[in-house]
Each structure stands twice: as C-alpha cells, then as structure tokens.
Amino acid sequence: MEIKHLLNKLATPATFVLIGAAARVIPHPANFAPIGAMALFGGTYMNKKQALILPILAMILSDFVIGFDNIPMRLTVYGSFLLIVFMGMLLKKRVNVKNTILFSLTASILFFVITNFTVWAAGGLYPHTVTGLTESYFFAIPFFRNTIFGDLFYSGVFFGGYEFVKKLTFNTSPLWAWRRRA
C-alpha cells in the first residue's frame, strides 16, 4: 500500500483523539495530559455528534485504566471537557496558530477554574470559606502550570500534526518540490 494512501486512511480526527486517549494512560507529570487539547481538536475537526461523544468516551475508557475518583469530580471534569469541545466548535472556522494558542490557553483556564471550584465545593479538603476557596486555587497552581504546558504541547501535536498529514496526503506534488512563483 502506498504511504500516501495509508496516511490518508489514518489521518482522521478520530485517530488523533484515540492517540490522545492512549497518551493519557502512559506515565506523565500530573495534569500534563492530552485531554484538553483532544477536546478542543475534536470540536474543531469532527462533526458535532462525534466531537461530543468521542473525547468523553476516550476519557471514560482511559479512566478504567487509571482509575475513577468521586462522582462530582468526574462529572465536573467531563463537563469541563464538553465545554472545551464547544470552544473547538467556535474555533472551527478560524483555525490558525494564534487562535489555536489562544483557545488552548482559554481551555486551560476554564478547566482550572471549574475543577478547582469543585474541589473546594464538593470535597472536604478546604473549608467552605473565601480563604478555603483561595487555598484551593493557590495549591493547584503547579497543576495549572502543567495543564497549560500539556494543552499547548498537545494542541501543537494534534492541530499541527493533523494539518501536516493533510498537506502530505492531499498535496499532489512531492514535499521537496519548490513551487514556482507566477
């Protein structure tokens, strides 16, 4: 089978999402994971039904491998990723490097704000005071840093990799050929 034909068959958004799910189960620094980028990518390149189902399904399947925590936290995490899928749908008609970085950073912030609020509200780790809420966010800053780096890294891999493979498979001239300017 010709390499270009094989790449064309494999270069689907679903393939990239499944790679993201697989990357979640390999050892990595806390919160340096592909899931936020996977949700943003899925919302951008998949149809609405696929975009809403596949990233959450990937989360659930990978949770069977790495473990589930409590129900409020899982619902919050899954809900955060669904919101990121909707962000990807907004990005769909404006995909470029700058917007992808901006949306990726916004997704990281959204995830941080929502999930740490739930840690404070539903968990017994912090008192239900303004100080407790502040501590919930303060002590999560190292995880937030990893979330930002992970989302930016994996967004670059998913968006850049997908666009690169699309260019490889749909471009009829060899990559090394220079185009003449008219």
Protein backbone atom coordinates (compact mmCIF):
# COMPACT_ATOMS: atom_id res chain seq x y z
CA MET A 1 0.00 0.00 0.00
CA GLU A 2 1.32 3.39 -0.95
CA ILE A 3 2.39 5.52 2.07
CA LYS A 4 0.28 8.46 0.93
CA HIS A 5 -2.82 6.25 0.71
CA LEU A 6 -2.11 4.80 4.17
CA LEU A 7 -1.66 8.27 5.68
CA ASN A 8 -4.90 9.40 4.06
CA LYS A 9 -6.77 6.48 5.67
CA LEU A 10 -5.23 7.07 9.10
CA ALA A 11 -5.36 10.89 9.08
CA THR A 12 -8.80 11.22 10.60
CA PRO A 13 -9.68 13.37 13.59
CA ALA A 14 -10.87 10.21 15.38
CA THR A 15 -7.38 8.70 15.05
CA PHE A 16 -5.86 11.76 16.72
CA VAL A 17 -8.44 11.61 19.54
CA LEU A 18 -7.70 7.92 20.13
CA ILE A 19 -3.97 8.71 20.23
CA GLY A 20 -4.80 11.32 22.87
CA ALA A 21 -6.69 8.78 24.96
CA ALA A 22 -3.79 6.35 24.71
CA ALA A 23 -1.32 9.09 25.73
CA ARG A 24 -3.39 9.72 28.86
CA VAL A 25 -2.65 6.28 30.27
CA ILE A 26 1.12 6.37 29.83
CA PRO A 27 3.10 7.87 32.75
CA HIS A 28 3.25 11.67 32.63
CA PRO A 29 3.58 14.61 35.03
CA ALA A 30 0.33 15.45 36.83
CA ASN A 31 -2.06 17.33 34.51
CA PHE A 32 0.37 17.26 31.57
CA ALA A 33 -2.20 15.31 29.59
CA PRO A 34 -3.68 15.39 26.08
CA ILE A 35 -7.35 15.52 27.06
CA GLY A 36 -7.96 19.29 26.90
CA ALA A 37 -6.22 19.51 23.54
CA MET A 38 -8.09 16.42 22.39
CA ALA A 39 -11.45 18.01 23.27
CA LEU A 40 -10.50 21.28 21.53
CA PHE A 41 -9.25 19.39 18.48
CA GLY A 42 -12.34 17.16 18.36
CA GLY A 43 -14.66 20.18 18.49
CA THR A 44 -12.72 21.81 15.68
CA TYR A 45 -12.37 18.92 13.24
CA MET A 46 -15.18 16.46 13.97
CA ASN A 47 -18.89 16.70 13.37
CA LYS A 48 -20.87 17.74 16.44
CA LYS A 49 -22.01 14.25 17.45
CA GLN A 50 -18.51 12.74 17.16
CA ALA A 51 -16.94 15.72 18.91
CA LEU A 52 -19.25 15.40 21.90
CA ILE A 53 -19.10 11.61 22.20
CA LEU A 54 -15.55 10.56 21.29
CA PRO A 55 -13.50 12.69 23.75
CA ILE A 56 -15.78 11.76 26.66
CA LEU A 57 -15.73 8.10 25.64
CA ALA A 58 -11.93 8.30 25.47
CA MET A 59 -11.92 9.80 28.99
CA ILE A 60 -14.18 7.09 30.38
CA LEU A 61 -12.17 4.29 28.77
CA SER A 62 -8.87 5.70 29.99
CA ASP A 63 -10.41 6.21 33.46
CA PHE A 64 -10.97 2.45 33.61
CA VAL A 65 -7.19 2.09 33.27
CA ILE A 66 -6.02 4.88 35.60
CA GLY A 67 -8.98 4.85 37.99
CA PHE A 68 -12.01 6.91 38.87
CA ASP A 69 -12.25 9.38 41.73
CA ASN A 70 -15.53 10.66 43.16
CA ILE A 71 -18.67 11.25 41.09
CA PRO A 72 -18.84 15.08 41.47
CA MET A 73 -15.23 15.39 40.31
CA ARG A 74 -15.71 13.07 37.31
CA LEU A 75 -18.86 14.95 36.24
CA THR A 76 -17.03 18.25 36.61
CA VAL A 77 -14.03 17.04 34.61
CA TYR A 78 -16.22 15.56 31.86
CA GLY A 79 -18.38 18.69 31.81
CA SER A 80 -15.27 20.89 31.53
CA PHE A 81 -14.10 18.88 28.55
CA LEU A 82 -17.52 19.17 26.90
CA LEU A 83 -17.25 22.97 27.27
CA ILE A 84 -13.82 22.76 25.62
CA VAL A 85 -15.39 20.76 22.76
CA PHE A 86 -17.83 23.65 22.27
CA MET A 87 -14.86 26.05 22.25
CA GLY A 88 -13.38 23.92 19.47
CA MET A 89 -16.61 24.32 17.51
CA LEU A 90 -16.14 28.09 17.77
CA LEU A 91 -12.54 27.70 16.58
CA LYS A 92 -13.61 25.61 13.56
CA LYS A 93 -13.88 28.47 11.06
CA ARG A 94 -10.88 30.39 12.43
CA VAL A 95 -8.12 27.80 12.78
CA ASN A 96 -4.67 29.35 12.72
CA VAL A 97 -1.68 29.22 15.04
CA LYS A 98 -2.59 32.33 17.04
CA ASN A 99 -6.21 31.28 17.61
CA THR A 100 -5.22 27.73 18.47
CA ILE A 101 -2.82 29.01 21.14
CA LEU A 102 -5.43 31.46 22.47
CA PHE A 103 -8.17 28.81 22.62
CA SER A 104 -5.78 26.32 24.20
CA LEU A 105 -4.85 28.79 26.96
CA THR A 106 -8.52 29.64 27.49
CA ALA A 107 -9.34 25.93 27.76
CA SER A 108 -6.64 25.53 30.43
CA ILE A 109 -8.03 28.45 32.42
CA LEU A 110 -11.60 27.16 32.11
CA PHE A 111 -10.58 23.70 33.32
CA PHE A 112 -8.57 25.16 36.23
CA VAL A 113 -11.37 27.45 37.41
CA ILE A 114 -14.16 24.88 37.16
CA THR A 115 -12.38 21.84 38.59
CA ASN A 116 -10.75 23.65 41.49
CA PHE A 117 -14.06 25.23 42.43
CA THR A 118 -15.48 21.69 42.60
CA VAL A 119 -12.53 20.51 44.71
CA TRP A 120 -13.41 23.28 47.15
CA ALA A 121 -17.21 22.93 46.99
CA ALA A 122 -17.60 19.14 46.95
CA GLY A 123 -14.51 17.95 48.74
CA GLY A 124 -13.58 18.12 52.39
CA LEU A 125 -10.05 19.27 51.70
CA TYR A 126 -10.66 23.01 52.16
CA PRO A 127 -13.04 24.90 54.48
CA HIS A 128 -16.08 26.42 52.80
CA THR A 129 -14.83 29.97 53.26
CA VAL A 130 -13.26 32.55 50.98
CA THR A 131 -9.91 31.55 52.46
CA GLY A 132 -10.59 27.90 51.68
CA LEU A 133 -11.54 28.77 48.09
CA THR A 134 -8.39 30.85 47.73
CA GLU A 135 -6.29 27.98 49.08
CA SER A 136 -7.95 25.58 46.63
CA TYR A 137 -6.76 27.70 43.73
CA PHE A 138 -3.39 28.58 45.25
CA PHE A 139 -2.32 25.00 45.93
CA ALA A 140 -3.42 23.97 42.43
CA ILE A 141 -1.06 26.39 40.67
CA PRO A 142 1.63 23.73 39.98
CA PHE A 143 -1.05 21.55 38.35
CA PHE A 144 -2.31 24.58 36.41
CA ARG A 145 1.17 25.17 35.02
CA ASN A 146 1.28 21.56 33.81
CA THR A 147 -2.22 21.88 32.35
CA ILE A 148 -1.14 24.93 30.33
CA PHE A 149 2.04 23.23 29.09
CA GLY A 150 0.18 20.00 28.32
CA ASP A 151 -2.65 21.75 26.47
CA LEU A 152 -0.23 23.86 24.43
CA PHE A 153 2.04 20.91 23.66
CA TYR A 154 -0.73 18.52 22.67
CA SER A 155 -2.64 21.21 20.75
CA GLY A 156 0.52 21.74 18.73
CA VAL A 157 0.85 18.00 18.18
CA PHE A 158 -2.81 17.44 17.26
CA PHE A 159 -3.53 20.56 15.22
CA GLY A 160 -0.07 20.78 13.68
CA GLY A 161 0.21 17.05 13.08
CA TYR A 162 -3.22 16.82 11.51
CA GLU A 163 -2.64 19.79 9.21
CA PHE A 164 0.79 18.42 8.28
CA VAL A 165 -0.60 14.98 7.44
CA LYS A 166 -3.45 16.59 5.48
CA LYS A 167 -0.89 18.54 3.49
CA LEU A 168 1.10 15.36 2.87
CA THR A 169 -1.91 13.39 1.71
CA PHE A 170 -3.75 15.98 -0.33
CA ASN A 171 -0.79 17.75 -1.92
CA THR A 172 -0.11 16.19 -5.30
CA SER A 173 3.45 17.48 -5.66
CA PRO A 174 6.30 15.97 -3.64
CA LEU A 175 7.14 17.79 -0.40
CA TRP A 176 10.62 18.59 -1.62
CA ALA A 177 9.39 20.23 -4.84
CA TRP A 178 9.63 24.01 -4.87
CA ARG A 179 6.67 25.80 -6.31
CA ARG A 180 7.42 28.44 -8.86
CA ARG A 181 6.00 31.85 -8.24
CA ALA A 182 3.89 33.16 -11.06
